[in-house]
C-alpha atoms as a PDB file:
ATOM      1  CA  MET A   1      -0.108   0.132   0.124  1.00  0.00           C
ATOM      2  CA  ARG A   2       2.867   2.332   0.686  1.00  0.00           C
ATOM      3  CA  LYS A   3       4.517   1.979  -2.474  1.00  0.00           C
ATOM      4  CA  LEU A   4       1.269   2.321  -4.447  1.00  0.00           C
ATOM      5  CA  LEU A   5       0.952   5.515  -2.414  1.00  0.00           C
ATOM      6  CA  ALA A   6       4.341   6.948  -2.995  1.00  0.00           C
ATOM      7  CA  TRP A   7       3.851   5.901  -7.016  1.00  0.00           C
ATOM      8  CA  TRP A   8       0.590   7.763  -6.953  1.00  0.00           C
ATOM      9  CA  ILE A   9       2.379  10.955  -5.419  1.00  0.00           C
ATOM     10  CA  ASN A  10       5.171  10.922  -7.496  1.00  0.00           C
ATOM     11  CA  LEU A  11       2.866  10.548 -10.597  1.00  0.00           C
ATOM     12  CA  HIS A  12       0.871  13.437  -9.639  1.00  0.00           C
ATOM     13  CA  ARG A  13       4.356  15.327  -9.286  1.00  0.00           C
ATOM     14  CA  ARG A  14       5.248  14.736 -12.606  1.00  0.00           C
ATOM     15  CA  GLY A  15       1.960  15.605 -13.836  1.00  0.00           C
ATOM     16  CA  ALA A  16       1.416  18.814 -11.908  1.00  0.00           C
ATOM     17  CA  VAL A  17       5.000  19.794 -13.207  1.00  0.00           C
ATOM     18  CA  ALA A  18       4.130  18.936 -16.999  1.00  0.00           C
ATOM     19  CA  GLY A  19       0.674  20.467 -16.470  1.00  0.00           C
ATOM     20  CA  ARG A  20       2.256  23.768 -15.227  1.00  0.00           C
ATOM     21  CA  ARG A  21       5.089  23.774 -17.997  1.00  0.00           C
ATOM     22  CA  ARG A  22       2.133  23.817 -20.606  1.00  0.00           C
ATOM     23  CA  ALA A  23       0.162  26.463 -18.585  1.00  0.00           C
ATOM     24  CA  VAL A  24       3.113  28.603 -18.841  1.00  0.00           C
ATOM     25  CA  ALA A  25       4.025  28.072 -22.426  1.00  0.00           C
ATOM     26  CA  VAL A  26       0.280  28.483 -23.117  1.00  0.00           C
ATOM     27  CA  PHE A  27       0.077  31.912 -20.914  1.00  0.00           C
ATOM     28  CA  GLU A  28       2.955  32.972 -22.888  1.00  0.00           C
ATOM     29  CA  ALA A  29       1.913  32.282 -26.373  1.00  0.00           C
ATOM     30  CA  ILE A  30      -1.604  34.160 -25.296  1.00  0.00           C
ATOM     31  CA  ARG A  31       0.413  37.312 -24.170  1.00  0.00           C
ATOM     32  CA  ARG A  32       2.719  37.146 -27.201  1.00  0.00           C
ATOM     33  CA  ALA A  33      -0.633  37.196 -29.249  1.00  0.00           C
ATOM     34  CA  GLN A  34      -2.369  39.944 -27.301  1.00  0.00           C
ATOM     35  CA  GLN A  35       0.945  42.287 -27.762  1.00  0.00           C
ATOM     36  CA  ALA A  36       1.085  41.813 -31.511  1.00  0.00           C
ATOM     37  CA  ARG A  37      -2.811  42.579 -31.868  1.00  0.00           C
ATOM     38  CA  ALA A  38      -2.400  45.534 -29.864  1.00  0.00           C
ATOM     39  CA  ASP A  39       0.453  46.488 -31.746  1.00  0.00           C
ATOM     40  CA  ARG A  40      -1.481  45.866 -35.045  1.00  0.00           C
ATOM     41  CA  GLU A  41      -4.212  48.263 -34.096  1.00  0.00           C
ATOM     42  CA  LEU A  42      -2.158  51.061 -32.913  1.00  0.00           C
ATOM     43  CA  LEU A  43      -0.241  51.250 -36.461  1.00  0.00           C
ATOM     44  CA  ALA A  44      -3.641  50.899 -37.740  1.00  0.00           C
ATOM     45  CA  ARG A  45      -5.225  53.795 -36.101  1.00  0.00           C
ATOM     46  CA  LEU A  46      -2.172  55.817 -37.718  1.00  0.00           C
ATOM     47  CA  ASP A  47      -2.672  57.672 -40.895  1.00  0.00           C
ATOM     48  CA  ALA A  48      -0.490  57.070 -44.107  1.00  0.00           C
ATOM     49  CA  ARG A  49       1.741  60.651 -43.296  1.00  0.00           C
ATOM     50  CA  THR A  50       2.905  59.251 -39.861  1.00  0.00           C
ATOM     51  CA  LEU A  51       3.614  55.660 -41.435  1.00  0.00           C
ATOM     52  CA  ARG A  52       5.924  57.191 -43.583  1.00  0.00           C
ATOM     53  CA  ASP A  53       7.306  59.450 -41.084  1.00  0.00           C
ATOM     54  CA  ILE A  54       8.157  56.399 -38.887  1.00  0.00           C
ATOM     55  CA  GLY A  55       9.597  54.593 -41.764  1.00  0.00           C
ATOM     56  CA  ILE A  56       7.142  51.749 -42.257  1.00  0.00           C
ATOM     57  CA  GLU A  57       6.213  52.339 -45.998  1.00  0.00           C
ATOM     58  CA  SER A  58       9.874  52.550 -46.869  1.00  0.00           C
ATOM     59  CA  TRP A  59      11.528  49.578 -45.594  1.00  0.00           C
ATOM     60  CA  ASN A  60       8.714  47.086 -44.206  1.00  0.00           C
ATOM     61  CA  ALA A  61       6.491  46.562 -47.218  1.00  0.00           C
ATOM     62  CA  HIS A  62       4.988  43.447 -45.581  1.00  0.00           C
ATOM     63  CA  LEU A  63       3.475  45.020 -42.642  1.00  0.00           C
ATOM     64  CA  ALA A  64       2.101  48.145 -44.849  1.00  0.00           C
ATOM     65  CA  ASP A  65       0.461  45.275 -46.838  1.00  0.00           C
ATOM     66  CA  ARG A  66      -1.153  43.850 -43.600  1.00  0.00           C
ATOM     67  CA  LEU A  67      -2.230  47.582 -42.496  1.00  0.00           C
ATOM     68  CA  ARG A  68      -3.728  48.182 -46.033  1.00  0.00           C
ATOM     69  CA  VAL A  69      -5.569  44.873 -45.703  1.00  0.00           C
ATOM     70  CA  HIS A  70      -6.798  45.126 -42.152  1.00  0.00           C
ATOM     71  CA  ARG A  71      -8.260  48.600 -42.903  1.00  0.00           C
ATOM     72  CA  GLU A  72      -9.770  47.435 -46.195  1.00  0.00           C
ATOM     73  CA  ARG A  73     -11.363  45.002 -43.958  1.00  0.00           C
ATOM     74  CA  GLU A  74     -12.451  47.582 -41.492  1.00  0.00           C
ATOM     75  CA  LEU A  75     -14.188  49.184 -43.943  1.00  0.00           C
ATOM     76  CA  LEU A  76     -15.904  46.149 -45.634  1.00  0.00           C
ATOM     77  CA  ARG A  77     -17.327  45.224 -42.239  1.00  0.00           C
ATOM     78  CA  ILE A  78     -18.551  48.814 -41.474  1.00  0.00           C
ATOM     79  CA  ALA A  79     -20.094  48.700 -45.275  1.00  0.00           C
ATOM     80  CA  ALA A  80     -21.780  45.283 -44.424  1.00  0.00           C
ATOM     81  CA  SER A  81     -23.235  46.101 -40.824  1.00  0.00           C
ATOM     82  CA  ARG A  82     -24.800  49.497 -42.404  1.00  0.00           C
ATOM     83  CA  ILE A  83     -26.645  47.284 -44.982  1.00  0.00           C
ATOM     84  CA  GLY A  84     -27.456  44.598 -42.472  1.00  0.00           C
ATOM     85  CA  VAL A  85     -25.229  41.946 -43.330  1.00  0.00           C
ATOM     86  CA  TYR A  86     -22.797  41.482 -40.891  1.00  0.00           C
END
């Protein structure tokens, strides 16, 4: 009985440690995703002149394209909500 209890406690500890590691990894991934979304939303609020001033249009075309697509989606979402589709 003592061996069984020791085995169960050991198994529980290993599982708790593995569960904690997984929870920390998930929390970090969520935090990174939230930070990336906040950064995208902040950049989406800036106008084209400000973006050129900080250099996004010239050296980071991928980010500029993502911002353009994000703005287009927002405009389409607003237009769809006005006609009652979305």
